[in-house]
Amino acid sequence: MFDPNSSLLAGALTRDQLTAALTTAQQAYLDLSSGAKGVSFSYAQGDGTRAVSYQQTDIAQLTAFIQLLQAQLGIVRRPRRTLRFRY
């Protein structure tokens, strides 16, 4: 059973901060799922070419983080268990 008093997010953050973090995480999930955010970019400049790379977030980790935030805020009672298939 999930206990918000002993979770990783207990204590330091206010409810407004947790809500803002949830909104940001959900937007990142939407951007990552839809392909709206790139990971690597290259461009040519007057003195040569440049490249910028960003770390790609693992969608499973992002989903787990969203579920933890939702549980901490009381939106869901506990995070959903991972689905495992048996053959």
N, C-alpha and C. Protein backbone atom coordinates (compact mmCIF):
# COMPACT_ATOMS: atom_id res chain seq x y z
N MET A 1 0.84 -1.18 0.00
CA MET A 1 0.00 0.00 0.00
C MET A 1 0.89 1.24 0.00
N PHE A 2 0.52 2.23 -0.75
CA PHE A 2 1.31 3.45 -0.86
C PHE A 2 1.10 4.33 0.36
N ASP A 3 2.20 4.80 0.94
CA ASP A 3 2.14 5.70 2.09
C ASP A 3 2.80 7.02 1.70
N PRO A 4 2.02 8.10 1.52
CA PRO A 4 2.59 9.37 1.10
C PRO A 4 3.56 9.97 2.13
N ASN A 5 3.48 9.52 3.37
CA ASN A 5 4.38 10.06 4.40
C ASN A 5 5.77 9.46 4.34
N SER A 6 5.92 8.34 3.64
CA SER A 6 7.23 7.70 3.56
C SER A 6 7.74 7.56 2.13
N SER A 7 7.10 8.21 1.19
CA SER A 7 7.55 8.11 -0.20
C SER A 7 8.76 9.02 -0.43
N LEU A 8 9.34 8.91 -1.60
CA LEU A 8 10.49 9.73 -1.95
C LEU A 8 10.15 11.22 -2.01
N LEU A 9 8.91 11.54 -2.24
CA LEU A 9 8.49 12.94 -2.39
C LEU A 9 7.89 13.53 -1.12
N ALA A 10 7.94 12.82 -0.03
CA ALA A 10 7.33 13.29 1.22
C ALA A 10 8.16 14.41 1.83
N GLY A 11 7.47 15.41 2.36
CA GLY A 11 8.13 16.41 3.18
C GLY A 11 8.44 17.74 2.53
N ALA A 12 9.41 17.79 1.67
CA ALA A 12 10.00 19.06 1.24
C ALA A 12 9.13 19.86 0.27
N LEU A 13 8.34 19.18 -0.55
CA LEU A 13 7.59 19.88 -1.58
C LEU A 13 6.16 20.17 -1.14
N THR A 14 5.67 21.35 -1.52
CA THR A 14 4.29 21.70 -1.23
C THR A 14 3.38 21.06 -2.28
N ARG A 15 2.10 21.08 -2.02
CA ARG A 15 1.13 20.51 -2.96
C ARG A 15 1.18 21.25 -4.30
N ASP A 16 1.35 22.58 -4.27
CA ASP A 16 1.45 23.35 -5.51
C ASP A 16 2.69 22.96 -6.31
N GLN A 17 3.80 22.73 -5.63
CA GLN A 17 5.02 22.32 -6.32
C GLN A 17 4.87 20.93 -6.93
N LEU A 18 4.21 20.02 -6.21
CA LEU A 18 3.96 18.69 -6.74
C LEU A 18 3.04 18.74 -7.95
N THR A 19 2.03 19.59 -7.89
CA THR A 19 1.10 19.73 -9.01
C THR A 19 1.82 20.30 -10.23
N ALA A 20 2.69 21.28 -10.02
CA ALA A 20 3.47 21.85 -11.13
C ALA A 20 4.40 20.80 -11.73
N ALA A 21 5.03 19.99 -10.88
CA ALA A 21 5.91 18.93 -11.37
C ALA A 21 5.13 17.89 -12.16
N LEU A 22 3.92 17.57 -11.71
CA LEU A 22 3.07 16.62 -12.43
C LEU A 22 2.70 17.17 -13.81
N THR A 23 2.34 18.42 -13.87
CA THR A 23 2.00 19.05 -15.15
C THR A 23 3.18 19.02 -16.11
N THR A 24 4.36 19.34 -15.61
CA THR A 24 5.57 19.32 -16.44
C THR A 24 5.89 17.91 -16.92
N ALA A 25 5.77 16.93 -16.03
CA ALA A 25 6.05 15.55 -16.40
C ALA A 25 5.05 15.03 -17.42
N GLN A 26 3.79 15.38 -17.26
CA GLN A 26 2.78 14.95 -18.23
C GLN A 26 3.01 15.60 -19.59
N GLN A 27 3.43 16.86 -19.60
CA GLN A 27 3.73 17.52 -20.88
C GLN A 27 4.95 16.88 -21.54
N ALA A 28 5.96 16.52 -20.75
CA ALA A 28 7.13 15.83 -21.29
C ALA A 28 6.73 14.47 -21.86
N TYR A 29 5.81 13.78 -21.19
CA TYR A 29 5.33 12.49 -21.68
C TYR A 29 4.63 12.66 -23.03
N LEU A 30 3.78 13.69 -23.13
CA LEU A 30 3.09 13.95 -24.40
C LEU A 30 4.08 14.29 -25.51
N ASP A 31 5.07 15.13 -25.19
CA ASP A 31 6.07 15.52 -26.19
C ASP A 31 6.89 14.33 -26.65
N LEU A 32 7.29 13.49 -25.70
CA LEU A 32 8.09 12.32 -26.03
C LEU A 32 7.28 11.30 -26.82
N SER A 33 6.03 11.10 -26.44
CA SER A 33 5.17 10.13 -27.13
C SER A 33 4.84 10.56 -28.55
N SER A 34 4.67 11.85 -28.75
CA SER A 34 4.29 12.33 -30.08
C SER A 34 5.48 12.64 -30.97
N GLY A 35 6.69 12.58 -30.42
CA GLY A 35 7.88 12.89 -31.22
C GLY A 35 8.09 14.37 -31.40
N ALA A 36 7.46 15.19 -30.55
CA ALA A 36 7.58 16.64 -30.69
C ALA A 36 8.94 17.17 -30.25
N LYS A 37 9.63 16.43 -29.40
CA LYS A 37 10.94 16.87 -28.92
C LYS A 37 12.03 16.04 -29.59
N GLY A 38 13.01 16.73 -30.12
CA GLY A 38 14.13 16.05 -30.76
C GLY A 38 15.21 15.70 -29.75
N VAL A 39 16.13 14.85 -30.18
CA VAL A 39 17.19 14.41 -29.30
C VAL A 39 18.54 14.97 -29.76
N SER A 40 18.74 15.04 -31.05
CA SER A 40 20.02 15.52 -31.57
C SER A 40 19.76 16.48 -32.73
N PHE A 41 20.50 17.59 -32.74
CA PHE A 41 20.33 18.61 -33.77
C PHE A 41 21.69 19.00 -34.32
N SER A 42 21.75 19.26 -35.59
CA SER A 42 22.97 19.75 -36.22
C SER A 42 22.61 20.97 -37.05
N TYR A 43 23.53 21.93 -37.09
CA TYR A 43 23.29 23.10 -37.91
C TYR A 43 24.63 23.67 -38.35
N ALA A 44 24.59 24.40 -39.45
CA ALA A 44 25.80 25.01 -39.99
C ALA A 44 25.85 26.47 -39.58
N GLN A 45 27.04 26.88 -39.14
CA GLN A 45 27.26 28.26 -38.76
C GLN A 45 28.41 28.79 -39.60
N GLY A 46 28.64 30.07 -39.58
CA GLY A 46 29.69 30.67 -40.40
C GLY A 46 31.06 30.05 -40.21
N ASP A 47 31.40 29.64 -39.02
CA ASP A 47 32.73 29.09 -38.75
C ASP A 47 32.75 27.56 -38.74
N GLY A 48 31.70 26.92 -39.12
CA GLY A 48 31.68 25.45 -39.16
C GLY A 48 30.33 24.91 -38.72
N THR A 49 30.29 23.61 -38.62
CA THR A 49 29.03 22.98 -38.21
C THR A 49 29.02 22.77 -36.70
N ARG A 50 27.84 22.78 -36.15
CA ARG A 50 27.65 22.58 -34.71
C ARG A 50 26.64 21.47 -34.50
N ALA A 51 26.74 20.80 -33.38
CA ALA A 51 25.79 19.76 -33.04
C ALA A 51 25.42 19.89 -31.57
N VAL A 52 24.14 19.70 -31.29
CA VAL A 52 23.63 19.74 -29.93
C VAL A 52 22.87 18.45 -29.68
N SER A 53 23.14 17.81 -28.56
CA SER A 53 22.43 16.58 -28.21
C SER A 53 21.79 16.73 -26.84
N TYR A 54 20.60 16.18 -26.71
CA TYR A 54 19.90 16.18 -25.43
C TYR A 54 19.70 14.73 -25.01
N GLN A 55 19.67 14.51 -23.73
CA GLN A 55 19.45 13.16 -23.22
C GLN A 55 18.00 12.76 -23.46
N GLN A 56 17.81 11.59 -24.04
CA GLN A 56 16.47 11.10 -24.28
C GLN A 56 15.94 10.43 -23.02
N THR A 57 14.78 10.84 -22.60
CA THR A 57 14.16 10.28 -21.40
C THR A 57 13.51 8.95 -21.74
N ASP A 58 13.68 8.01 -20.87
CA ASP A 58 13.05 6.71 -21.03
C ASP A 58 11.57 6.85 -20.67
N ILE A 59 10.69 6.46 -21.56
CA ILE A 59 9.27 6.67 -21.35
C ILE A 59 8.75 5.85 -20.17
N ALA A 60 9.36 4.70 -19.89
CA ALA A 60 8.94 3.89 -18.74
C ALA A 60 9.29 4.60 -17.42
N GLN A 61 10.45 5.23 -17.36
CA GLN A 61 10.83 5.97 -16.16
C GLN A 61 9.93 7.18 -15.98
N LEU A 62 9.60 7.84 -17.07
CA LEU A 62 8.72 9.00 -17.00
C LEU A 62 7.32 8.59 -16.55
N THR A 63 6.83 7.48 -17.02
CA THR A 63 5.52 6.97 -16.60
C THR A 63 5.52 6.64 -15.11
N ALA A 64 6.58 6.01 -14.63
CA ALA A 64 6.68 5.68 -13.21
C ALA A 64 6.73 6.94 -12.36
N PHE A 65 7.42 7.98 -12.84
CA PHE A 65 7.50 9.24 -12.12
C PHE A 65 6.13 9.92 -12.05
N ILE A 66 5.39 9.90 -13.15
CA ILE A 66 4.05 10.48 -13.17
C ILE A 66 3.14 9.74 -12.19
N GLN A 67 3.24 8.42 -12.17
CA GLN A 67 2.41 7.64 -11.25
C GLN A 67 2.77 7.91 -9.79
N LEU A 68 4.05 8.11 -9.50
CA LEU A 68 4.47 8.45 -8.15
C LEU A 68 3.92 9.81 -7.74
N LEU A 69 4.00 10.78 -8.64
CA LEU A 69 3.43 12.11 -8.34
C LEU A 69 1.92 12.03 -8.11
N GLN A 70 1.23 11.27 -8.94
CA GLN A 70 -0.21 11.13 -8.78
C GLN A 70 -0.55 10.48 -7.45
N ALA A 71 0.21 9.48 -7.06
CA ALA A 71 -0.04 8.81 -5.78
C ALA A 71 0.25 9.76 -4.62
N GLN A 72 1.31 10.54 -4.72
CA GLN A 72 1.66 11.48 -3.65
C GLN A 72 0.58 12.55 -3.50
N LEU A 73 -0.01 12.97 -4.61
CA LEU A 73 -1.07 13.98 -4.57
C LEU A 73 -2.43 13.39 -4.22
N GLY A 74 -2.53 12.07 -4.18
CA GLY A 74 -3.80 11.44 -3.85
C GLY A 74 -4.75 11.32 -5.03
N ILE A 75 -4.23 11.51 -6.24
CA ILE A 75 -5.07 11.39 -7.44
C ILE A 75 -5.41 9.91 -7.66
N VAL A 76 -4.42 9.05 -7.50
CA VAL A 76 -4.64 7.60 -7.51
C VAL A 76 -4.16 7.07 -6.17
N ARG A 77 -4.78 6.00 -5.70
CA ARG A 77 -4.43 5.47 -4.39
C ARG A 77 -3.02 4.91 -4.34
N ARG A 78 -2.64 4.23 -5.39
CA ARG A 78 -1.29 3.68 -5.45
C ARG A 78 -0.91 3.55 -6.92
N PRO A 79 0.37 3.60 -7.21
CA PRO A 79 0.79 3.44 -8.61
C PRO A 79 0.40 2.08 -9.15
N ARG A 80 0.11 2.03 -10.41
CA ARG A 80 -0.28 0.78 -11.06
C ARG A 80 0.92 -0.16 -11.13
N ARG A 81 0.66 -1.41 -10.88
CA ARG A 81 1.73 -2.40 -10.96
C ARG A 81 2.12 -2.62 -12.41
N THR A 82 3.36 -3.00 -12.61
CA THR A 82 3.86 -3.28 -13.94
C THR A 82 3.17 -4.52 -14.50
N LEU A 83 2.76 -4.43 -15.75
CA LEU A 83 2.15 -5.58 -16.42
C LEU A 83 3.24 -6.54 -16.85
N ARG A 84 3.05 -7.79 -16.55
CA ARG A 84 4.00 -8.81 -16.97
C ARG A 84 3.23 -9.89 -17.71
N PHE A 85 3.77 -10.28 -18.82
CA PHE A 85 3.12 -11.30 -19.63
C PHE A 85 3.79 -12.63 -19.37
N ARG A 86 2.99 -13.66 -19.27
CA ARG A 86 3.50 -15.02 -19.09
C ARG A 86 3.11 -15.83 -20.31
N TYR A 87 4.08 -16.53 -20.82
CA TYR A 87 3.84 -17.36 -22.02
C TYR A 87 3.85 -18.82 -21.65
